[in-house]
Amino acid sequence: DLTTKADEILNGQDPAKYIVSYYENEASAMAGNNAINNPLAYTNTDDFNQIIWVRVEDNTTIEGCYKITSLELIVNPLPVLITPAPIELCDVNNPGDEKESFTLEVANDEILNGQTGITLTHYETQADADNATNPIFSPYVNLSNAQTIFVRAENDVTGCYNTVTV
């Protein structure tokens, strides 16, 4: 939603006095032609970074009064995760109950495959992993046999995340 940047671009000026439009190139912004049709739901055209040109026109004075600025769209990659081998334990603490205390972090190295700057947290449901709510911690006693645990991998700088199961 490119329009979320309009207040920042106007820097406290009255938005009723200006027309803000968005363009894929500087020439179009200068000419005021070929504005982005739907700035509320724009999909970038470059893989990771793209410059969008912004035209701000004063609609209260002489026609043709405008300024051009730009904003950079940055798409950060998601962490790339490897689905690890199952974590398995023998049923020794209370034979027959099929419940044991698992150290969930034993799969971390396999999940990250050498990546750094990523924090892993564990959850019982995909919804909890997506929302980063109700994390579980080691030692973790399984609720069923077998049980799927959802791992959220969040980039420490960008906040972008991906999930994988154990």
C-alpha atoms as a PDB file:
ATOM      1  CA  ASP A   1       0.000   0.000   0.000  1.00  0.00           C
ATOM      2  CA  LEU A   2       2.041   2.917  -1.303  1.00  0.00           C
ATOM      3  CA  THR A   3      -0.415   5.418   0.162  1.00  0.00           C
ATOM      4  CA  THR A   4       0.784   4.570   3.682  1.00  0.00           C
ATOM      5  CA  LYS A   5       3.822   6.766   2.956  1.00  0.00           C
ATOM      6  CA  ALA A   6       1.779   9.869   1.982  1.00  0.00           C
ATOM      7  CA  ASP A   7       1.814  11.436   5.479  1.00  0.00           C
ATOM      8  CA  GLU A   8       5.576  10.977   5.691  1.00  0.00           C
ATOM      9  CA  ILE A   9       6.050  12.478   2.216  1.00  0.00           C
ATOM     10  CA  LEU A  10       3.852  15.480   3.060  1.00  0.00           C
ATOM     11  CA  ASN A  11       5.758  15.949   6.321  1.00  0.00           C
ATOM     12  CA  GLY A  12       2.863  17.379   8.310  1.00  0.00           C
ATOM     13  CA  GLN A  13       1.396  19.488   5.513  1.00  0.00           C
ATOM     14  CA  ASP A  14      -2.382  19.484   4.999  1.00  0.00           C
ATOM     15  CA  PRO A  15      -3.171  16.490   2.721  1.00  0.00           C
ATOM     16  CA  ALA A  16      -6.289  18.286   1.442  1.00  0.00           C
ATOM     17  CA  LYS A  17      -4.021  20.800  -0.339  1.00  0.00           C
ATOM     18  CA  TYR A  18      -2.087  18.185  -2.309  1.00  0.00           C
ATOM     19  CA  ILE A  19      -2.566  15.401  -4.821  1.00  0.00           C
ATOM     20  CA  VAL A  20      -0.092  12.566  -4.270  1.00  0.00           C
ATOM     21  CA  SER A  21       0.432  10.116  -7.137  1.00  0.00           C
ATOM     22  CA  TYR A  22       2.881   7.251  -7.663  1.00  0.00           C
ATOM     23  CA  TYR A  23       4.876   6.219 -10.755  1.00  0.00           C
ATOM     24  CA  GLU A  24       7.220   3.441 -11.828  1.00  0.00           C
ATOM     25  CA  ASN A  25       9.699   5.824 -13.449  1.00  0.00           C
ATOM     26  CA  GLU A  26      10.886   9.388 -13.056  1.00  0.00           C
ATOM     27  CA  ALA A  27       9.921  10.513 -16.566  1.00  0.00           C
ATOM     28  CA  SER A  28       6.272   9.543 -15.989  1.00  0.00           C
ATOM     29  CA  ALA A  29       6.281  11.321 -12.622  1.00  0.00           C
ATOM     30  CA  MET A  30       7.716  14.492 -14.210  1.00  0.00           C
ATOM     31  CA  ALA A  31       5.099  14.422 -16.982  1.00  0.00           C
ATOM     32  CA  GLY A  32       2.265  13.390 -14.665  1.00  0.00           C
ATOM     33  CA  ASN A  33       1.427  10.485 -17.015  1.00  0.00           C
ATOM     34  CA  ASN A  34       0.867   6.770 -16.418  1.00  0.00           C
ATOM     35  CA  ALA A  35       0.381   6.890 -12.656  1.00  0.00           C
ATOM     36  CA  ILE A  36       0.185   3.545 -10.878  1.00  0.00           C
ATOM     37  CA  ASN A  37      -3.473   2.532 -11.212  1.00  0.00           C
ATOM     38  CA  ASN A  38      -3.960   1.060  -7.761  1.00  0.00           C
ATOM     39  CA  PRO A  39      -1.414   2.387  -5.258  1.00  0.00           C
ATOM     40  CA  LEU A  40      -3.422   0.728  -2.456  1.00  0.00           C
ATOM     41  CA  ALA A  41      -2.384  -2.727  -3.709  1.00  0.00           C
ATOM     42  CA  TYR A  42       0.811  -2.334  -5.721  1.00  0.00           C
ATOM     43  CA  THR A  43       2.971  -5.364  -6.486  1.00  0.00           C
ATOM     44  CA  ASN A  44       6.612  -4.554  -7.048  1.00  0.00           C
ATOM     45  CA  THR A  45       8.114  -5.444 -10.419  1.00  0.00           C
ATOM     46  CA  ASP A  46      11.738  -6.040  -9.349  1.00  0.00           C
ATOM     47  CA  ASP A  47      12.960  -8.990  -7.301  1.00  0.00           C
ATOM     48  CA  PHE A  48      14.086  -7.194  -4.152  1.00  0.00           C
ATOM     49  CA  ASN A  49      14.482  -3.404  -4.438  1.00  0.00           C
ATOM     50  CA  GLN A  50      12.549  -0.956  -6.594  1.00  0.00           C
ATOM     51  CA  ILE A  51      12.355   2.833  -6.752  1.00  0.00           C
ATOM     52  CA  ILE A  52       8.872   4.332  -6.937  1.00  0.00           C
ATOM     53  CA  TRP A  53       8.546   7.974  -7.954  1.00  0.00           C
ATOM     54  CA  VAL A  54       6.079  10.187  -6.138  1.00  0.00           C
ATOM     55  CA  ARG A  55       4.547  13.354  -7.572  1.00  0.00           C
ATOM     56  CA  VAL A  56       3.051  15.830  -5.117  1.00  0.00           C
ATOM     57  CA  GLU A  57       0.904  18.483  -6.775  1.00  0.00           C
ATOM     58  CA  ASP A  58      -0.371  21.606  -5.070  1.00  0.00           C
ATOM     59  CA  ASN A  59      -4.071  21.732  -5.900  1.00  0.00           C
ATOM     60  CA  THR A  60      -4.683  25.148  -4.301  1.00  0.00           C
ATOM     61  CA  THR A  61      -2.360  27.305  -6.434  1.00  0.00           C
ATOM     62  CA  ILE A  62      -1.445  27.690 -10.067  1.00  0.00           C
ATOM     63  CA  GLU A  63      -1.795  24.472 -12.054  1.00  0.00           C
ATOM     64  CA  GLY A  64       1.471  22.701 -12.686  1.00  0.00           C
ATOM     65  CA  CYS A  65       3.049  23.352  -9.276  1.00  0.00           C
ATOM     66  CA  TYR A  66       4.552  20.048  -8.155  1.00  0.00           C
ATOM     67  CA  LYS A  67       7.539  18.332  -6.551  1.00  0.00           C
ATOM     68  CA  ILE A  68       8.982  14.888  -7.243  1.00  0.00           C
ATOM     69  CA  THR A  69      10.497  12.546  -4.708  1.00  0.00           C
ATOM     70  CA  SER A  70      11.154   8.830  -4.567  1.00  0.00           C
ATOM     71  CA  LEU A  71      10.749   5.947  -2.201  1.00  0.00           C
ATOM     72  CA  GLU A  72      12.464   2.603  -2.239  1.00  0.00           C
ATOM     73  CA  LEU A  73      10.528  -0.623  -1.941  1.00  0.00           C
ATOM     74  CA  ILE A  74      12.605  -3.342  -0.315  1.00  0.00           C
ATOM     75  CA  VAL A  75      11.527  -6.965  -0.310  1.00  0.00           C
ATOM     76  CA  ASN A  76      13.523  -8.946   2.223  1.00  0.00           C
ATOM     77  CA  PRO A  77      13.984 -12.655   1.597  1.00  0.00           C
ATOM     78  CA  LEU A  78      12.521 -15.199   3.989  1.00  0.00           C
ATOM     79  CA  PRO A  79      14.822 -17.500   5.938  1.00  0.00           C
ATOM     80  CA  VAL A  80      15.457 -20.682   3.942  1.00  0.00           C
ATOM     81  CA  LEU A  81      14.725 -23.676   6.151  1.00  0.00           C
ATOM     82  CA  ILE A  82      15.473 -27.383   5.927  1.00  0.00           C
ATOM     83  CA  THR A  83      12.915 -29.844   7.281  1.00  0.00           C
ATOM     84  CA  PRO A  84      14.882 -31.806   9.881  1.00  0.00           C
ATOM     85  CA  ALA A  85      14.816 -35.501  10.589  1.00  0.00           C
ATOM     86  CA  PRO A  86      12.339 -36.489  13.333  1.00  0.00           C
ATOM     87  CA  ILE A  87      13.473 -36.180  16.917  1.00  0.00           C
ATOM     88  CA  GLU A  88      13.044 -39.615  18.485  1.00  0.00           C
ATOM     89  CA  LEU A  89      13.385 -40.891  22.044  1.00  0.00           C
ATOM     90  CA  CYS A  90      12.785 -44.261  23.682  1.00  0.00           C
ATOM     91  CA  ASP A  91       9.807 -44.489  26.068  1.00  0.00           C
ATOM     92  CA  VAL A  92      11.862 -44.909  29.260  1.00  0.00           C
ATOM     93  CA  ASN A  93      10.515 -42.473  31.889  1.00  0.00           C
ATOM     94  CA  ASN A  94       7.114 -44.112  32.239  1.00  0.00           C
ATOM     95  CA  PRO A  95       7.018 -47.061  29.818  1.00  0.00           C
ATOM     96  CA  GLY A  96       3.755 -47.318  27.891  1.00  0.00           C
ATOM     97  CA  ASP A  97       2.680 -43.649  28.140  1.00  0.00           C
ATOM     98  CA  GLU A  98       4.637 -42.721  24.972  1.00  0.00           C
ATOM     99  CA  LYS A  99       5.650 -39.365  26.482  1.00  0.00           C
ATOM    100  CA  GLU A 100       9.180 -38.090  26.998  1.00  0.00           C
ATOM    101  CA  SER A 101      11.018 -34.811  27.583  1.00  0.00           C
ATOM    102  CA  PHE A 102      12.402 -33.551  24.288  1.00  0.00           C
ATOM    103  CA  THR A 103      15.158 -30.994  23.737  1.00  0.00           C
ATOM    104  CA  LEU A 104      13.671 -29.205  20.738  1.00  0.00           C
ATOM    105  CA  GLU A 105      16.866 -27.318  19.925  1.00  0.00           C
ATOM    106  CA  VAL A 106      18.655 -30.486  18.756  1.00  0.00           C
ATOM    107  CA  ALA A 107      17.138 -29.874  15.294  1.00  0.00           C
ATOM    108  CA  ASN A 108      18.240 -26.215  15.066  1.00  0.00           C
ATOM    109  CA  ASP A 109      21.495 -26.739  13.176  1.00  0.00           C
ATOM    110  CA  GLU A 110      19.781 -28.930  10.602  1.00  0.00           C
ATOM    111  CA  ILE A 111      16.912 -26.427  10.169  1.00  0.00           C
ATOM    112  CA  LEU A 112      19.230 -23.436   9.689  1.00  0.00           C
ATOM    113  CA  ASN A 113      21.809 -25.233   7.528  1.00  0.00           C
ATOM    114  CA  GLY A 114      24.536 -22.717   8.423  1.00  0.00           C
ATOM    115  CA  GLN A 115      22.433 -19.538   8.344  1.00  0.00           C
ATOM    116  CA  THR A 116      23.051 -17.007  11.098  1.00  0.00           C
ATOM    117  CA  GLY A 117      21.105 -14.032  12.430  1.00  0.00           C
ATOM    118  CA  ILE A 118      17.916 -16.053  12.725  1.00  0.00           C
ATOM    119  CA  THR A 119      16.068 -16.808  15.956  1.00  0.00           C
ATOM    120  CA  LEU A 120      14.141 -20.070  16.211  1.00  0.00           C
ATOM    121  CA  THR A 121      11.116 -20.514  18.472  1.00  0.00           C
ATOM    122  CA  HIS A 122       8.849 -23.546  18.851  1.00  0.00           C
ATOM    123  CA  TYR A 123       5.037 -23.828  18.935  1.00  0.00           C
ATOM    124  CA  GLU A 124       2.309 -26.454  19.151  1.00  0.00           C
ATOM    125  CA  THR A 125       0.250 -24.995  16.278  1.00  0.00           C
ATOM    126  CA  GLN A 126       0.885 -23.274  12.948  1.00  0.00           C
ATOM    127  CA  ALA A 127      -1.346 -20.380  14.048  1.00  0.00           C
ATOM    128  CA  ASP A 128       0.788 -19.832  17.155  1.00  0.00           C
ATOM    129  CA  ALA A 129       3.960 -19.938  15.032  1.00  0.00           C
ATOM    130  CA  ASP A 130       2.527 -17.427  12.544  1.00  0.00           C
ATOM    131  CA  ASN A 131       1.443 -15.081  15.336  1.00  0.00           C
ATOM    132  CA  ALA A 132       4.458 -15.709  17.600  1.00  0.00           C
ATOM    133  CA  THR A 133       2.138 -16.546  20.503  1.00  0.00           C
ATOM    134  CA  ASN A 134       2.353 -19.290  23.136  1.00  0.00           C
ATOM    135  CA  PRO A 135       5.889 -20.526  22.478  1.00  0.00           C
ATOM    136  CA  ILE A 136       6.949 -23.839  23.998  1.00  0.00           C
ATOM    137  CA  PHE A 137      10.317 -24.521  25.596  1.00  0.00           C
ATOM    138  CA  SER A 138      12.671 -27.420  26.260  1.00  0.00           C
ATOM    139  CA  PRO A 139      12.466 -29.772  27.908  1.00  0.00           C
ATOM    140  CA  TYR A 140       9.124 -30.301  26.152  1.00  0.00           C
ATOM    141  CA  VAL A 141       6.926 -33.286  26.986  1.00  0.00           C
ATOM    142  CA  ASN A 142       5.024 -34.393  23.901  1.00  0.00           C
ATOM    143  CA  LEU A 143       1.213 -34.427  24.050  1.00  0.00           C
ATOM    144  CA  SER A 144       0.792 -37.320  21.603  1.00  0.00           C
ATOM    145  CA  ASN A 145       2.887 -39.852  19.727  1.00  0.00           C
ATOM    146  CA  ALA A 146       3.820 -38.759  17.102  1.00  0.00           C
ATOM    147  CA  GLN A 147       3.469 -34.998  17.458  1.00  0.00           C
ATOM    148  CA  THR A 148       4.295 -32.191  15.048  1.00  0.00           C
ATOM    149  CA  ILE A 149       6.041 -29.106  16.411  1.00  0.00           C
ATOM    150  CA  PHE A 150       6.059 -25.855  14.420  1.00  0.00           C
ATOM    151  CA  VAL A 151       9.296 -23.878  14.314  1.00  0.00           C
ATOM    152  CA  ARG A 152       9.290 -20.152  13.554  1.00  0.00           C
ATOM    153  CA  ALA A 153      12.542 -18.816  12.082  1.00  0.00           C
ATOM    154  CA  GLU A 154      12.693 -15.015  12.308  1.00  0.00           C
ATOM    155  CA  ASN A 155      15.406 -12.858  10.774  1.00  0.00           C
ATOM    156  CA  ASP A 156      16.880 -10.791  13.622  1.00  0.00           C
ATOM    157  CA  VAL A 157      17.251  -7.676  11.423  1.00  0.00           C
ATOM    158  CA  THR A 158      14.244  -7.647   9.096  1.00  0.00           C
ATOM    159  CA  GLY A 159      11.655  -9.487  11.202  1.00  0.00           C
ATOM    160  CA  CYS A 160      10.759 -11.611   8.169  1.00  0.00           C
ATOM    161  CA  TYR A 161       9.916 -15.167   9.173  1.00  0.00           C
ATOM    162  CA  ASN A 162       9.299 -18.597   7.773  1.00  0.00           C
ATOM    163  CA  THR A 163       8.144 -21.803   9.434  1.00  0.00           C
ATOM    164  CA  VAL A 164       9.039 -25.473   9.268  1.00  0.00           C
ATOM    165  CA  THR A 165       7.862 -28.551  11.160  1.00  0.00           C
ATOM    166  CA  VAL A 166       9.664 -31.063  13.376  1.00  0.00           C
END
